[in-house]
Amino acid sequence: MSTTGADDRAGRYARRLRRLAAVTLVVHAALAALVYRDAAGRDVSGARWAAFTLLGGLLGVAGYLRRR
C-alpha cells in the first residue's frame, strides 16, 4: 500500500498553511505600520497601538479607530 497520495496532500496542505501565515504576517505588519504612522502624527503612543495591531490585526485597527 502506497502513502504517496496522502503524503502529497499533506504537503500541499502544509504549503497552503505556510502561505496563509506569510500573507497574514505581511498584512498585520502593513496595518501596524499604518497605525503607527497615524498615531505618531496624533501624539498618541504609536508603538503601543502598533503592537496591538500586529497581534490583533483588524481588531487592533478597529480598537485604534474607535479610540482616536
N, C-alpha and C. Protein backbone atom coordinates (compact mmCIF):
# COMPACT_ATOMS: atom_id res chain seq x y z
N MET A 1 0.84 -1.17 0.00
CA MET A 1 0.00 0.00 0.00
C MET A 1 0.89 1.24 0.00
N SER A 2 0.61 2.17 -0.87
CA SER A 2 1.42 3.37 -1.02
C SER A 2 0.77 4.55 -0.29
N THR A 3 1.59 5.34 0.36
CA THR A 3 1.08 6.54 1.04
C THR A 3 1.46 7.81 0.29
N THR A 4 1.87 7.65 -0.95
CA THR A 4 2.31 8.80 -1.73
C THR A 4 1.21 9.83 -1.89
N GLY A 5 -0.01 9.39 -2.15
CA GLY A 5 -1.13 10.32 -2.31
C GLY A 5 -1.41 11.09 -1.04
N ALA A 6 -1.39 10.40 0.09
CA ALA A 6 -1.63 11.06 1.38
C ALA A 6 -0.49 12.02 1.71
N ASP A 7 0.75 11.61 1.41
CA ASP A 7 1.89 12.49 1.66
C ASP A 7 1.81 13.73 0.79
N ASP A 8 1.38 13.56 -0.46
CA ASP A 8 1.27 14.69 -1.38
C ASP A 8 0.21 15.67 -0.89
N ARG A 9 -0.92 15.14 -0.44
CA ARG A 9 -1.99 16.02 0.07
C ARG A 9 -1.53 16.75 1.33
N ALA A 10 -0.82 16.06 2.19
CA ALA A 10 -0.32 16.69 3.41
C ALA A 10 0.69 17.78 3.08
N GLY A 11 1.52 17.53 2.09
CA GLY A 11 2.50 18.54 1.67
C GLY A 11 1.83 19.78 1.09
N ARG A 12 0.81 19.57 0.27
CA ARG A 12 0.08 20.71 -0.29
C ARG A 12 -0.61 21.51 0.81
N TYR A 13 -1.20 20.80 1.75
CA TYR A 13 -1.87 21.45 2.87
C TYR A 13 -0.87 22.28 3.69
N ALA A 14 0.30 21.72 3.95
CA ALA A 14 1.33 22.43 4.72
C ALA A 14 1.79 23.67 3.97
N ARG A 15 1.97 23.57 2.65
CA ARG A 15 2.38 24.74 1.87
C ARG A 15 1.31 25.82 1.90
N ARG A 16 0.06 25.43 1.81
CA ARG A 16 -1.03 26.42 1.87
C ARG A 16 -1.07 27.11 3.23
N LEU A 17 -0.87 26.35 4.29
CA LEU A 17 -0.85 26.95 5.62
C LEU A 17 0.31 27.93 5.78
N ARG A 18 1.49 27.57 5.25
CA ARG A 18 2.64 28.48 5.32
C ARG A 18 2.37 29.74 4.53
N ARG A 19 1.76 29.60 3.35
CA ARG A 19 1.43 30.76 2.52
C ARG A 19 0.43 31.66 3.23
N LEU A 20 -0.59 31.06 3.84
CA LEU A 20 -1.59 31.83 4.58
C LEU A 20 -0.95 32.56 5.76
N ALA A 21 -0.07 31.90 6.47
CA ALA A 21 0.62 32.52 7.60
C ALA A 21 1.49 33.69 7.13
N ALA A 22 2.17 33.52 6.00
CA ALA A 22 3.02 34.59 5.48
C ALA A 22 2.19 35.79 5.05
N VAL A 23 1.09 35.55 4.36
CA VAL A 23 0.23 36.65 3.92
C VAL A 23 -0.36 37.37 5.14
N THR A 24 -0.78 36.61 6.14
CA THR A 24 -1.33 37.20 7.36
C THR A 24 -0.29 38.07 8.05
N LEU A 25 0.94 37.59 8.14
CA LEU A 25 2.01 38.36 8.76
C LEU A 25 2.27 39.66 8.01
N VAL A 26 2.30 39.60 6.69
CA VAL A 26 2.54 40.80 5.89
C VAL A 26 1.41 41.81 6.08
N VAL A 27 0.17 41.34 6.06
CA VAL A 27 -0.97 42.24 6.23
C VAL A 27 -0.95 42.87 7.62
N HIS A 28 -0.68 42.08 8.65
CA HIS A 28 -0.63 42.62 10.01
C HIS A 28 0.50 43.64 10.14
N ALA A 29 1.64 43.37 9.55
CA ALA A 29 2.77 44.30 9.61
C ALA A 29 2.44 45.60 8.89
N ALA A 30 1.79 45.51 7.73
CA ALA A 30 1.41 46.72 6.99
C ALA A 30 0.39 47.54 7.77
N LEU A 31 -0.59 46.88 8.35
CA LEU A 31 -1.58 47.59 9.17
C LEU A 31 -0.92 48.24 10.38
N ALA A 32 0.00 47.53 11.02
CA ALA A 32 0.69 48.08 12.19
C ALA A 32 1.51 49.30 11.81
N ALA A 33 2.16 49.27 10.65
CA ALA A 33 2.94 50.43 10.20
C ALA A 33 2.03 51.63 9.94
N LEU A 34 0.89 51.39 9.32
CA LEU A 34 -0.05 52.49 9.06
C LEU A 34 -0.60 53.07 10.36
N VAL A 35 -0.95 52.22 11.30
CA VAL A 35 -1.46 52.69 12.59
C VAL A 35 -0.37 53.45 13.34
N TYR A 36 0.85 52.94 13.31
CA TYR A 36 1.96 53.62 13.99
C TYR A 36 2.16 55.02 13.43
N ARG A 37 2.17 55.12 12.12
CA ARG A 37 2.38 56.42 11.48
C ARG A 37 1.26 57.40 11.83
N ASP A 38 0.02 56.92 11.81
CA ASP A 38 -1.11 57.79 12.13
C ASP A 38 -1.09 58.18 13.61
N ALA A 39 -0.81 57.22 14.48
CA ALA A 39 -0.79 57.51 15.92
C ALA A 39 0.34 58.46 16.28
N ALA A 40 1.50 58.30 15.67
CA ALA A 40 2.62 59.19 15.94
C ALA A 40 2.29 60.62 15.51
N GLY A 41 1.55 60.77 14.43
CA GLY A 41 1.13 62.09 13.98
C GLY A 41 0.10 62.73 14.88
N ARG A 42 -0.57 61.95 15.70
CA ARG A 42 -1.59 62.45 16.62
C ARG A 42 -1.08 62.52 18.06
N ASP A 43 0.20 62.36 18.26
CA ASP A 43 0.81 62.37 19.60
C ASP A 43 0.18 61.34 20.54
N VAL A 44 -0.08 60.17 20.01
CA VAL A 44 -0.59 59.04 20.78
C VAL A 44 0.52 57.99 20.77
N SER A 45 0.50 57.06 21.70
CA SER A 45 1.53 56.02 21.76
C SER A 45 1.47 55.14 20.51
N GLY A 46 2.27 55.47 19.53
CA GLY A 46 2.28 54.72 18.28
C GLY A 46 2.75 53.30 18.44
N ALA A 47 3.76 53.10 19.29
CA ALA A 47 4.32 51.76 19.48
C ALA A 47 3.29 50.83 20.13
N ARG A 48 2.55 51.35 21.09
CA ARG A 48 1.55 50.52 21.77
C ARG A 48 0.46 50.10 20.80
N TRP A 49 -0.04 51.05 20.02
CA TRP A 49 -1.12 50.72 19.07
C TRP A 49 -0.61 49.84 17.94
N ALA A 50 0.63 50.04 17.53
CA ALA A 50 1.20 49.17 16.50
C ALA A 50 1.32 47.74 17.02
N ALA A 51 1.70 47.58 18.28
CA ALA A 51 1.80 46.24 18.86
C ALA A 51 0.43 45.58 18.94
N PHE A 52 -0.58 46.34 19.37
CA PHE A 52 -1.95 45.79 19.40
C PHE A 52 -2.38 45.37 18.00
N THR A 53 -2.07 46.19 17.01
CA THR A 53 -2.46 45.89 15.64
C THR A 53 -1.69 44.69 15.10
N LEU A 54 -0.42 44.61 15.41
CA LEU A 54 0.39 43.48 14.95
C LEU A 54 -0.14 42.17 15.51
N LEU A 55 -0.56 42.19 16.75
CA LEU A 55 -1.07 40.97 17.38
C LEU A 55 -2.53 40.70 17.02
N GLY A 56 -3.32 41.75 16.91
CA GLY A 56 -4.77 41.57 16.74
C GLY A 56 -5.29 41.79 15.34
N GLY A 57 -4.46 42.30 14.45
CA GLY A 57 -4.91 42.52 13.08
C GLY A 57 -6.03 43.54 13.00
N LEU A 58 -7.11 43.15 12.37
CA LEU A 58 -8.23 44.06 12.17
C LEU A 58 -8.87 44.48 13.49
N LEU A 59 -8.83 43.62 14.50
CA LEU A 59 -9.36 44.01 15.81
C LEU A 59 -8.52 45.14 16.42
N GLY A 60 -7.22 45.10 16.24
CA GLY A 60 -6.36 46.18 16.71
C GLY A 60 -6.62 47.47 15.98
N VAL A 61 -6.82 47.39 14.67
CA VAL A 61 -7.14 48.58 13.88
C VAL A 61 -8.48 49.15 14.33
N ALA A 62 -9.47 48.28 14.52
CA ALA A 62 -10.79 48.74 14.96
C ALA A 62 -10.70 49.41 16.32
N GLY A 63 -9.93 48.85 17.23
CA GLY A 63 -9.75 49.46 18.54
C GLY A 63 -9.08 50.82 18.44
N TYR A 64 -8.07 50.93 17.59
CA TYR A 64 -7.40 52.21 17.41
C TYR A 64 -8.35 53.24 16.82
N LEU A 65 -9.08 52.85 15.79
CA LEU A 65 -10.00 53.80 15.16
C LEU A 65 -11.09 54.25 16.14
N ARG A 66 -11.49 53.36 16.99
CA ARG A 66 -12.52 53.70 17.98
C ARG A 66 -11.98 54.68 19.01
N ARG A 67 -10.71 54.52 19.40
CA ARG A 67 -10.12 55.36 20.44
C ARG A 67 -9.56 56.68 19.93
N ARG A 68 -9.33 56.81 18.65
CA ARG A 68 -8.71 58.05 18.18
C ARG A 68 -9.73 59.07 17.98
